Amino acid sequence: MIMVVNEELVDKLAHLAKLEFTPEQKADMMADFQKILDFVGKLEELDVEGVEPLIHLTSHSASLRPDVPHVTITHEEALKNSPLADSDYFKVPKVLAKH
């Protein structure tokens, strides 16, 4: 499948990612996308006949610890060094605004 990298594609991806680009940044993005597609095109040229798919990076299985809850710091100790707190919660400045 051949994908065309153009301003329309970059605009669509920017919209989906909620990004805005200057014309210079848009040109840079188009060049970067083209480099990525060229690299993937090179990978498509490889003969992978008979190559088993890689499921795990190593043959070792993960050793998992039991998930046992325990208290490492009390509620009061956690709130003690907070610049803003009430009796139960950290208080933080509002960082999101409605548009």
PDB file of N, CA and C in Angstrom:
ATOM      1  N   MET A   1       0.843  -1.175   0.000  1.00  0.00           N
ATOM      2  CA  MET A   1       0.000   0.000   0.000  1.00  0.00           C
ATOM      3  C   MET A   1       0.889   1.239   0.000  1.00  0.00           C
ATOM      4  N   ILE A   2       0.657   2.128  -0.924  1.00  0.00           N
ATOM      5  CA  ILE A   2       1.441   3.356  -1.030  1.00  0.00           C
ATOM      6  C   ILE A   2       0.643   4.483  -0.394  1.00  0.00           C
ATOM      7  N   MET A   3       1.267   5.152   0.560  1.00  0.00           N
ATOM      8  CA  MET A   3       0.617   6.262   1.238  1.00  0.00           C
ATOM      9  C   MET A   3       1.266   7.558   0.767  1.00  0.00           C
ATOM     10  N   VAL A   4       0.445   8.516   0.463  1.00  0.00           N
ATOM     11  CA  VAL A   4       0.940   9.807   0.006  1.00  0.00           C
ATOM     12  C   VAL A   4       0.999  10.754   1.205  1.00  0.00           C
ATOM     13  N   VAL A   5       2.177  11.314   1.429  1.00  0.00           N
ATOM     14  CA  VAL A   5       2.340  12.293   2.501  1.00  0.00           C
ATOM     15  C   VAL A   5       2.139  13.669   1.890  1.00  0.00           C
ATOM     16  N   ASN A   6       1.078  14.332   2.315  1.00  0.00           N
ATOM     17  CA  ASN A   6       0.795  15.677   1.820  1.00  0.00           C
ATOM     18  C   ASN A   6       0.248  16.526   2.962  1.00  0.00           C
ATOM     19  N   GLU A   7      -0.047  17.781   2.663  1.00  0.00           N
ATOM     20  CA  GLU A   7      -0.542  18.678   3.708  1.00  0.00           C
ATOM     21  C   GLU A   7      -1.868  18.200   4.277  1.00  0.00           C
ATOM     22  N   GLU A   8      -2.705  17.600   3.445  1.00  0.00           N
ATOM     23  CA  GLU A   8      -4.000  17.115   3.909  1.00  0.00           C
ATOM     24  C   GLU A   8      -3.820  16.039   4.990  1.00  0.00           C
ATOM     25  N   LEU A   9      -2.871  15.115   4.774  1.00  0.00           N
ATOM     26  CA  LEU A   9      -2.604  14.073   5.760  1.00  0.00           C
ATOM     27  C   LEU A   9      -2.089  14.681   7.060  1.00  0.00           C
ATOM     28  N   VAL A  10      -1.137  15.601   6.959  1.00  0.00           N
ATOM     29  CA  VAL A  10      -0.577  16.234   8.152  1.00  0.00           C
ATOM     30  C   VAL A  10      -1.659  17.022   8.889  1.00  0.00           C
ATOM     31  N   ASP A  11      -2.521  17.727   8.156  1.00  0.00           N
ATOM     32  CA  ASP A  11      -3.612  18.467   8.789  1.00  0.00           C
ATOM     33  C   ASP A  11      -4.563  17.521   9.519  1.00  0.00           C
ATOM     34  N   LYS A  12      -4.870  16.376   8.893  1.00  0.00           N
ATOM     35  CA  LYS A  12      -5.777  15.412   9.514  1.00  0.00           C
ATOM     36  C   LYS A  12      -5.165  14.848  10.791  1.00  0.00           C
ATOM     37  N   LEU A  13      -3.889  14.457  10.738  1.00  0.00           N
ATOM     38  CA  LEU A  13      -3.219  13.918  11.920  1.00  0.00           C
ATOM     39  C   LEU A  13      -3.083  14.969  13.012  1.00  0.00           C
ATOM     40  N   ALA A  14      -2.803  16.209  12.624  1.00  0.00           N
ATOM     41  CA  ALA A  14      -2.695  17.291  13.603  1.00  0.00           C
ATOM     42  C   ALA A  14      -4.044  17.509  14.282  1.00  0.00           C
ATOM     43  N   HIS A  15      -5.114  17.455  13.506  1.00  0.00           N
ATOM     44  CA  HIS A  15      -6.456  17.622  14.085  1.00  0.00           C
ATOM     45  C   HIS A  15      -6.753  16.499  15.078  1.00  0.00           C
ATOM     46  N   LEU A  16      -6.454  15.258  14.694  1.00  0.00           N
ATOM     47  CA  LEU A  16      -6.703  14.125  15.578  1.00  0.00           C
ATOM     48  C   LEU A  16      -5.883  14.209  16.861  1.00  0.00           C
ATOM     49  N   ALA A  17      -4.652  14.711  16.746  1.00  0.00           N
ATOM     50  CA  ALA A  17      -3.770  14.829  17.912  1.00  0.00           C
ATOM     51  C   ALA A  17      -3.932  16.161  18.626  1.00  0.00           C
ATOM     52  N   LYS A  18      -4.831  16.999  18.129  1.00  0.00           N
ATOM     53  CA  LYS A  18      -5.080  18.325  18.686  1.00  0.00           C
ATOM     54  C   LYS A  18      -3.784  19.155  18.754  1.00  0.00           C
ATOM     55  N   LEU A  19      -3.079  19.158  17.616  1.00  0.00           N
ATOM     56  CA  LEU A  19      -1.841  19.918  17.478  1.00  0.00           C
ATOM     57  C   LEU A  19      -2.017  20.994  16.427  1.00  0.00           C
ATOM     58  N   GLU A  20      -1.202  22.018  16.520  1.00  0.00           N
ATOM     59  CA  GLU A  20      -1.178  23.058  15.499  1.00  0.00           C
ATOM     60  C   GLU A  20       0.266  23.239  15.050  1.00  0.00           C
ATOM     61  N   PHE A  21       0.458  23.331  13.730  1.00  0.00           N
ATOM     62  CA  PHE A  21       1.795  23.477  13.171  1.00  0.00           C
ATOM     63  C   PHE A  21       1.889  24.767  12.381  1.00  0.00           C
ATOM     64  N   THR A  22       3.045  25.388  12.471  1.00  0.00           N
ATOM     65  CA  THR A  22       3.343  26.499  11.583  1.00  0.00           C
ATOM     66  C   THR A  22       3.638  25.902  10.206  1.00  0.00           C
ATOM     67  N   PRO A  23       3.655  26.713   9.147  1.00  0.00           N
ATOM     68  CA  PRO A  23       3.994  26.157   7.831  1.00  0.00           C
ATOM     69  C   PRO A  23       5.356  25.460   7.806  1.00  0.00           C
ATOM     70  N   GLU A  24       6.324  26.006   8.538  1.00  0.00           N
ATOM     71  CA  GLU A  24       7.651  25.380   8.584  1.00  0.00           C
ATOM     72  C   GLU A  24       7.586  24.036   9.303  1.00  0.00           C
ATOM     73  N   GLN A  25       6.852  23.992  10.426  1.00  0.00           N
ATOM     74  CA  GLN A  25       6.715  22.740  11.164  1.00  0.00           C
ATOM     75  C   GLN A  25       5.965  21.697  10.332  1.00  0.00           C
ATOM     76  N   LYS A  26       4.969  22.139   9.579  1.00  0.00           N
ATOM     77  CA  LYS A  26       4.205  21.229   8.733  1.00  0.00           C
ATOM     78  C   LYS A  26       5.122  20.613   7.668  1.00  0.00           C
ATOM     79  N   ALA A  27       5.981  21.427   7.091  1.00  0.00           N
ATOM     80  CA  ALA A  27       6.932  20.914   6.089  1.00  0.00           C
ATOM     81  C   ALA A  27       7.887  19.904   6.722  1.00  0.00           C
ATOM     82  N   ASP A  28       8.351  20.203   7.944  1.00  0.00           N
ATOM     83  CA  ASP A  28       9.225  19.268   8.654  1.00  0.00           C
ATOM     84  C   ASP A  28       8.499  17.955   8.945  1.00  0.00           C
ATOM     85  N   MET A  29       7.234  18.046   9.353  1.00  0.00           N
ATOM     86  CA  MET A  29       6.448  16.848   9.644  1.00  0.00           C
ATOM     87  C   MET A  29       6.266  16.002   8.379  1.00  0.00           C
ATOM     88  N   MET A  30       6.000  16.656   7.262  1.00  0.00           N
ATOM     89  CA  MET A  30       5.839  15.927   6.009  1.00  0.00           C
ATOM     90  C   MET A  30       7.121  15.183   5.659  1.00  0.00           C
ATOM     91  N   ALA A  31       8.260  15.833   5.842  1.00  0.00           N
ATOM     92  CA  ALA A  31       9.550  15.191   5.550  1.00  0.00           C
ATOM     93  C   ALA A  31       9.790  14.018   6.497  1.00  0.00           C
ATOM     94  N   ASP A  32       9.477  14.206   7.784  1.00  0.00           N
ATOM     95  CA  ASP A  32       9.669  13.135   8.758  1.00  0.00           C
ATOM     96  C   ASP A  32       8.765  11.941   8.456  1.00  0.00           C
ATOM     97  N   PHE A  33       7.494  12.203   8.135  1.00  0.00           N
ATOM     98  CA  PHE A  33       6.586  11.121   7.792  1.00  0.00           C
ATOM     99  C   PHE A  33       7.091  10.353   6.575  1.00  0.00           C
ATOM    100  N   GLN A  34       7.617  11.078   5.597  1.00  0.00           N
ATOM    101  CA  GLN A  34       8.129  10.418   4.394  1.00  0.00           C
ATOM    102  C   GLN A  34       9.322   9.532   4.727  1.00  0.00           C
ATOM    103  N   LYS A  35      10.195   9.993   5.624  1.00  0.00           N
ATOM    104  CA  LYS A  35      11.339   9.173   6.049  1.00  0.00           C
ATOM    105  C   LYS A  35      10.868   7.893   6.730  1.00  0.00           C
ATOM    106  N   ILE A  36       9.827   8.018   7.570  1.00  0.00           N
ATOM    107  CA  ILE A  36       9.293   6.842   8.256  1.00  0.00           C
ATOM    108  C   ILE A  36       8.736   5.853   7.242  1.00  0.00           C
ATOM    109  N   LEU A  37       7.953   6.352   6.291  1.00  0.00           N
ATOM    110  CA  LEU A  37       7.379   5.472   5.286  1.00  0.00           C
ATOM    111  C   LEU A  37       8.453   4.830   4.414  1.00  0.00           C
ATOM    112  N   ASP A  38       9.507   5.575   4.091  1.00  0.00           N
ATOM    113  CA  ASP A  38      10.616   5.007   3.320  1.00  0.00           C
ATOM    114  C   ASP A  38      11.289   3.874   4.091  1.00  0.00           C
ATOM    115  N   PHE A  39      11.451   4.056   5.413  1.00  0.00           N
ATOM    116  CA  PHE A  39      12.056   3.021   6.253  1.00  0.00           C
ATOM    117  C   PHE A  39      11.183   1.771   6.277  1.00  0.00           C
ATOM    118  N   VAL A  40       9.884   1.956   6.459  1.00  0.00           N
ATOM    119  CA  VAL A  40       8.966   0.814   6.461  1.00  0.00           C
ATOM    120  C   VAL A  40       8.997   0.120   5.094  1.00  0.00           C
ATOM    121  N   GLY A  41       9.112   0.893   4.029  1.00  0.00           N
ATOM    122  CA  GLY A  41       9.231   0.308   2.703  1.00  0.00           C
ATOM    123  C   GLY A  41      10.449  -0.581   2.580  1.00  0.00           C
ATOM    124  N   LYS A  42      11.564  -0.171   3.180  1.00  0.00           N
ATOM    125  CA  LYS A  42      12.780  -1.000   3.175  1.00  0.00           C
ATOM    126  C   LYS A  42      12.531  -2.308   3.923  1.00  0.00           C
ATOM    127  N   LEU A  43      11.800  -2.238   5.037  1.00  0.00           N
ATOM    128  CA  LEU A  43      11.512  -3.449   5.800  1.00  0.00           C
ATOM    129  C   LEU A  43      10.658  -4.422   4.993  1.00  0.00           C
ATOM    130  N   GLU A  44       9.775  -3.889   4.154  1.00  0.00           N
ATOM    131  CA  GLU A  44       8.918  -4.742   3.338  1.00  0.00           C
ATOM    132  C   GLU A  44       9.715  -5.520   2.291  1.00  0.00           C
ATOM    133  N   GLU A  45      10.924  -5.083   1.987  1.00  0.00           N
ATOM    134  CA  GLU A  45      11.760  -5.768   1.005  1.00  0.00           C
ATOM    135  C   GLU A  45      12.423  -7.020   1.572  1.00  0.00           C
ATOM    136  N   LEU A  46      12.436  -7.181   2.892  1.00  0.00           N
ATOM    137  CA  LEU A  46      13.117  -8.304   3.522  1.00  0.00           C
ATOM    138  C   LEU A  46      12.370  -9.607   3.280  1.00  0.00           C
ATOM    139  N   ASP A  47      13.130 -10.677   3.071  1.00  0.00           N
ATOM    140  CA  ASP A  47      12.555 -12.004   2.927  1.00  0.00           C
ATOM    141  C   ASP A  47      12.428 -12.609   4.323  1.00  0.00           C
ATOM    142  N   VAL A  48      11.205 -12.755   4.797  1.00  0.00           N
ATOM    143  CA  VAL A  48      10.973 -13.289   6.136  1.00  0.00           C
ATOM    144  C   VAL A  48      10.330 -14.678   6.082  1.00  0.00           C
ATOM    145  N   GLU A  49      10.420 -15.307   4.935  1.00  0.00           N
ATOM    146  CA  GLU A  49       9.869 -16.651   4.783  1.00  0.00           C
ATOM    147  C   GLU A  49      10.584 -17.594   5.745  1.00  0.00           C
ATOM    148  N   GLY A  50       9.814 -18.300   6.570  1.00  0.00           N
ATOM    149  CA  GLY A  50      10.378 -19.259   7.517  1.00  0.00           C
ATOM    150  C   GLY A  50      10.831 -18.647   8.819  1.00  0.00           C
ATOM    151  N   VAL A  51      10.714 -17.354   8.983  1.00  0.00           N
ATOM    152  CA  VAL A  51      11.111 -16.710  10.234  1.00  0.00           C
ATOM    153  C   VAL A  51       9.926 -16.759  11.187  1.00  0.00           C
ATOM    154  N   GLU A  52      10.147 -17.358  12.354  1.00  0.00           N
ATOM    155  CA  GLU A  52       9.077 -17.476  13.337  1.00  0.00           C
ATOM    156  C   GLU A  52       8.798 -16.101  13.959  1.00  0.00           C
ATOM    157  N   PRO A  53       7.538 -15.810  14.225  1.00  0.00           N
ATOM    158  CA  PRO A  53       7.219 -14.531  14.860  1.00  0.00           C
ATOM    159  C   PRO A  53       7.802 -14.468  16.273  1.00  0.00           C
ATOM    160  N   LEU A  54       8.233 -13.293  16.657  1.00  0.00           N
ATOM    161  CA  LEU A  54       8.792 -13.072  17.986  1.00  0.00           C
ATOM    162  C   LEU A  54       7.655 -12.739  18.943  1.00  0.00           C
ATOM    163  N   ILE A  55       7.467 -13.595  19.926  1.00  0.00           N
ATOM    164  CA  ILE A  55       6.400 -13.371  20.902  1.00  0.00           C
ATOM    165  C   ILE A  55       6.970 -12.703  22.152  1.00  0.00           C
ATOM    166  N   HIS A  56       8.138 -13.160  22.602  1.00  0.00           N
ATOM    167  CA  HIS A  56       8.803 -12.597  23.781  1.00  0.00           C
ATOM    168  C   HIS A  56      10.241 -12.255  23.407  1.00  0.00           C
ATOM    169  N   LEU A  57      10.771 -11.221  24.025  1.00  0.00           N
ATOM    170  CA  LEU A  57      12.145 -10.827  23.721  1.00  0.00           C
ATOM    171  C   LEU A  57      13.168 -11.787  24.303  1.00  0.00           C
ATOM    172  N   THR A  58      12.819 -12.470  25.386  1.00  0.00           N
ATOM    173  CA  THR A  58      13.739 -13.432  25.987  1.00  0.00           C
ATOM    174  C   THR A  58      12.996 -14.736  26.220  1.00  0.00           C
ATOM    175  N   SER A  59      13.756 -15.760  26.513  1.00  0.00           N
ATOM    176  CA  SER A  59      13.138 -17.051  26.811  1.00  0.00           C
ATOM    177  C   SER A  59      12.767 -17.158  28.287  1.00  0.00           C
ATOM    178  N   HIS A  60      13.124 -16.152  29.084  1.00  0.00           N
ATOM    179  CA  HIS A  60      12.826 -16.172  30.514  1.00  0.00           C
ATOM    180  C   HIS A  60      11.377 -15.743  30.754  1.00  0.00           C
ATOM    181  N   SER A  61      10.758 -16.390  31.704  1.00  0.00           N
ATOM    182  CA  SER A  61       9.409 -15.957  32.063  1.00  0.00           C
ATOM    183  C   SER A  61       9.511 -14.894  33.161  1.00  0.00           C
ATOM    184  N   ALA A  62       8.554 -14.029  33.209  1.00  0.00           N
ATOM    185  CA  ALA A  62       8.557 -12.953  34.189  1.00  0.00           C
ATOM    186  C   ALA A  62       8.266 -13.518  35.571  1.00  0.00           C
ATOM    187  N   SER A  63       9.074 -13.099  36.523  1.00  0.00           N
ATOM    188  CA  SER A  63       8.801 -13.512  37.901  1.00  0.00           C
ATOM    189  C   SER A  63       7.990 -12.401  38.554  1.00  0.00           C
ATOM    190  N   LEU A  64       6.811 -12.749  38.973  1.00  0.00           N
ATOM    191  CA  LEU A  64       5.910 -11.763  39.544  1.00  0.00           C
ATOM    192  C   LEU A  64       5.842 -11.938  41.054  1.00  0.00           C
ATOM    193  N   ARG A  65       5.776 -10.841  41.747  1.00  0.00           N
ATOM    194  CA  ARG A  65       5.627 -10.909  43.192  1.00  0.00           C
ATOM    195  C   ARG A  65       4.139 -10.932  43.516  1.00  0.00           C
ATOM    196  N   PRO A  66       3.796 -11.466  44.654  1.00  0.00           N
ATOM    197  CA  PRO A  66       2.383 -11.429  45.030  1.00  0.00           C
ATOM    198  C   PRO A  66       1.927  -9.989  45.269  1.00  0.00           C
ATOM    199  N   ASP A  67       0.733  -9.696  44.885  1.00  0.00           N
ATOM    200  CA  ASP A  67       0.182  -8.351  45.043  1.00  0.00           C
ATOM    201  C   ASP A  67      -0.472  -8.258  46.408  1.00  0.00           C
ATOM    202  N   VAL A  68       0.346  -7.846  47.393  1.00  0.00           N
ATOM    203  CA  VAL A  68      -0.132  -7.757  48.765  1.00  0.00           C
ATOM    204  C   VAL A  68      -0.127  -6.284  49.173  1.00  0.00           C
ATOM    205  N   PRO A  69      -1.292  -5.719  49.479  1.00  0.00           N
ATOM    206  CA  PRO A  69      -1.314  -4.303  49.879  1.00  0.00           C
ATOM    207  C   PRO A  69      -0.706  -4.109  51.261  1.00  0.00           C
ATOM    208  N   HIS A  70      -0.001  -3.003  51.426  1.00  0.00           N
ATOM    209  CA  HIS A  70       0.540  -2.634  52.723  1.00  0.00           C
ATOM    210  C   HIS A  70       0.716  -1.115  52.771  1.00  0.00           C
ATOM    211  N   VAL A  71       0.643  -0.556  53.954  1.00  0.00           N
ATOM    212  CA  VAL A  71       0.745   0.889  54.143  1.00  0.00           C
ATOM    213  C   VAL A  71       2.212   1.248  54.352  1.00  0.00           C
ATOM    214  N   THR A  72       2.728   2.163  53.535  1.00  0.00           N
ATOM    215  CA  THR A  72       4.112   2.607  53.702  1.00  0.00           C
ATOM    216  C   THR A  72       4.180   4.004  54.302  1.00  0.00           C
ATOM    217  N   ILE A  73       3.096   4.774  54.185  1.00  0.00           N
ATOM    218  CA  ILE A  73       3.046   6.119  54.734  1.00  0.00           C
ATOM    219  C   ILE A  73       1.591   6.376  55.144  1.00  0.00           C
ATOM    220  N   THR A  74       1.430   7.037  56.260  1.00  0.00           N
ATOM    221  CA  THR A  74       0.072   7.301  56.719  1.00  0.00           C
ATOM    222  C   THR A  74      -0.529   8.466  55.945  1.00  0.00           C
ATOM    223  N   HIS A  75      -1.832   8.582  56.021  1.00  0.00           N
ATOM    224  CA  HIS A  75      -2.562   9.662  55.366  1.00  0.00           C
ATOM    225  C   HIS A  75      -2.068  11.022  55.872  1.00  0.00           C
ATOM    226  N   GLU A  76      -1.895  11.125  57.174  1.00  0.00           N
ATOM    227  CA  GLU A  76      -1.441  12.385  57.779  1.00  0.00           C
ATOM    228  C   GLU A  76      -0.016  12.733  57.349  1.00  0.00           C
ATOM    229  N   GLU A  77       0.864  11.721  57.257  1.00  0.00           N
ATOM    230  CA  GLU A  77       2.238  11.969  56.820  1.00  0.00           C
ATOM    231  C   GLU A  77       2.268  12.451  55.371  1.00  0.00           C
ATOM    232  N   ALA A  78       1.415  11.908  54.537  1.00  0.00           N
ATOM    233  CA  ALA A  78       1.373  12.306  53.134  1.00  0.00           C
ATOM    234  C   ALA A  78       0.942  13.759  52.994  1.00  0.00           C
ATOM    235  N   LEU A  79      -0.040  14.179  53.785  1.00  0.00           N
ATOM    236  CA  LEU A  79      -0.554  15.548  53.682  1.00  0.00           C
ATOM    237  C   LEU A  79       0.305  16.572  54.424  1.00  0.00           C
ATOM    238  N   LYS A  80       1.187  16.117  55.302  1.00  0.00           N
ATOM    239  CA  LYS A  80       1.963  17.014  56.166  1.00  0.00           C
ATOM    240  C   LYS A  80       2.821  18.013  55.376  1.00  0.00           C
ATOM    241  N   ASN A  81       3.453  17.595  54.305  1.00  0.00           N
ATOM    242  CA  ASN A  81       4.356  18.468  53.552  1.00  0.00           C
ATOM    243  C   ASN A  81       3.703  19.137  52.351  1.00  0.00           C
ATOM    244  N   SER A  82       2.405  18.983  52.204  1.00  0.00           N
ATOM    245  CA  SER A  82       1.714  19.580  51.071  1.00  0.00           C
ATOM    246  C   SER A  82       1.543  21.078  51.290  1.00  0.00           C
ATOM    247  N   PRO A  83       1.820  21.907  50.257  1.00  0.00           N
ATOM    248  CA  PRO A  83       1.618  23.341  50.418  1.00  0.00           C
ATOM    249  C   PRO A  83       0.148  23.709  50.602  1.00  0.00           C
ATOM    250  N   LEU A  84      -0.754  22.947  49.989  1.00  0.00           N
ATOM    251  CA  LEU A  84      -2.189  23.175  50.135  1.00  0.00           C
ATOM    252  C   LEU A  84      -2.878  21.843  50.372  1.00  0.00           C
ATOM    253  N   ALA A  85      -3.574  21.741  51.473  1.00  0.00           N
ATOM    254  CA  ALA A  85      -4.311  20.516  51.766  1.00  0.00           C
ATOM    255  C   ALA A  85      -5.425  20.842  52.738  1.00  0.00           C
ATOM    256  N   ASP A  86      -6.483  20.042  52.710  1.00  0.00           N
ATOM    257  CA  ASP A  86      -7.473  20.145  53.766  1.00  0.00           C
ATOM    258  C   ASP A  86      -7.300  18.888  54.608  1.00  0.00           C
ATOM    259  N   SER A  87      -8.270  18.516  55.374  1.00  0.00           N
ATOM    260  CA  SER A  87      -8.093  17.391  56.279  1.00  0.00           C
ATOM    261  C   SER A  87      -7.966  16.047  55.559  1.00  0.00           C
ATOM    262  N   ASP A  88      -8.450  15.967  54.309  1.00  0.00           N
ATOM    263  CA  ASP A  88      -8.443  14.676  53.629  1.00  0.00           C
ATOM    264  C   ASP A  88      -7.701  14.640  52.299  1.00  0.00           C
ATOM    265  N   TYR A  89      -7.530  15.796  51.626  1.00  0.00           N
ATOM    266  CA  TYR A  89      -7.054  15.780  50.241  1.00  0.00           C
ATOM    267  C   TYR A  89      -5.968  16.821  49.997  1.00  0.00           C
ATOM    268  N   PHE A  90      -5.144  16.562  48.957  1.00  0.00           N
ATOM    269  CA  PHE A  90      -4.237  17.572  48.443  1.00  0.00           C
ATOM    270  C   PHE A  90      -5.072  18.578  47.666  1.00  0.00           C
ATOM    271  N   LYS A  91      -4.752  19.845  47.773  1.00  0.00           N
ATOM    272  CA  LYS A  91      -5.402  20.855  46.954  1.00  0.00           C
ATOM    273  C   LYS A  91      -4.413  21.307  45.901  1.00  0.00           C
ATOM    274  N   VAL A  92      -4.865  21.358  44.663  1.00  0.00           N
ATOM    275  CA  VAL A  92      -4.001  21.764  43.556  1.00  0.00           C
ATOM    276  C   VAL A  92      -4.695  22.849  42.767  1.00  0.00           C
ATOM    277  N   PRO A  93      -3.916  23.713  42.104  1.00  0.00           N
ATOM    278  CA  PRO A  93      -4.550  24.747  41.280  1.00  0.00           C
ATOM    279  C   PRO A  93      -5.258  24.127  40.081  1.00  0.00           C
ATOM    280  N   LYS A  94      -6.302  24.783  39.632  1.00  0.00           N
ATOM    281  CA  LYS A  94      -7.025  24.329  38.460  1.00  0.00           C
ATOM    282  C   LYS A  94      -6.126  24.485  37.237  1.00  0.00           C
ATOM    283  N   VAL A  95      -5.992  23.417  36.444  1.00  0.00           N
ATOM    284  CA  VAL A  95      -5.090  23.469  35.295  1.00  0.00           C
ATOM    285  C   VAL A  95      -5.814  23.322  33.977  1.00  0.00           C
ATOM    286  N   LEU A  96      -7.073  22.943  33.992  1.00  0.00           N
ATOM    287  CA  LEU A  96      -7.835  22.788  32.765  1.00  0.00           C
ATOM    288  C   LEU A  96      -8.900  23.866  32.676  1.00  0.00           C
ATOM    289  N   ALA A  97      -9.044  24.412  31.514  1.00  0.00           N
ATOM    290  CA  ALA A  97     -10.066  25.421  31.293  1.00  0.00           C
ATOM    291  C   ALA A  97     -11.001  24.934  30.192  1.00  0.00           C
ATOM    292  N   LYS A  98     -12.276  25.282  30.293  1.00  0.00           N
ATOM    293  CA  LYS A  98     -13.222  24.927  29.237  1.00  0.00           C
ATOM    294  C   LYS A  98     -13.068  25.899  28.095  1.00  0.00           C
ATOM    295  N   HIS A  99     -13.152  25.376  26.890  1.00  0.00           N
ATOM    296  CA  HIS A  99     -13.041  26.237  25.699  1.00  0.00           C
ATOM    297  C   HIS A  99     -14.356  26.345  25.026  1.00  0.00           C
TER     298      HIS A  99
END
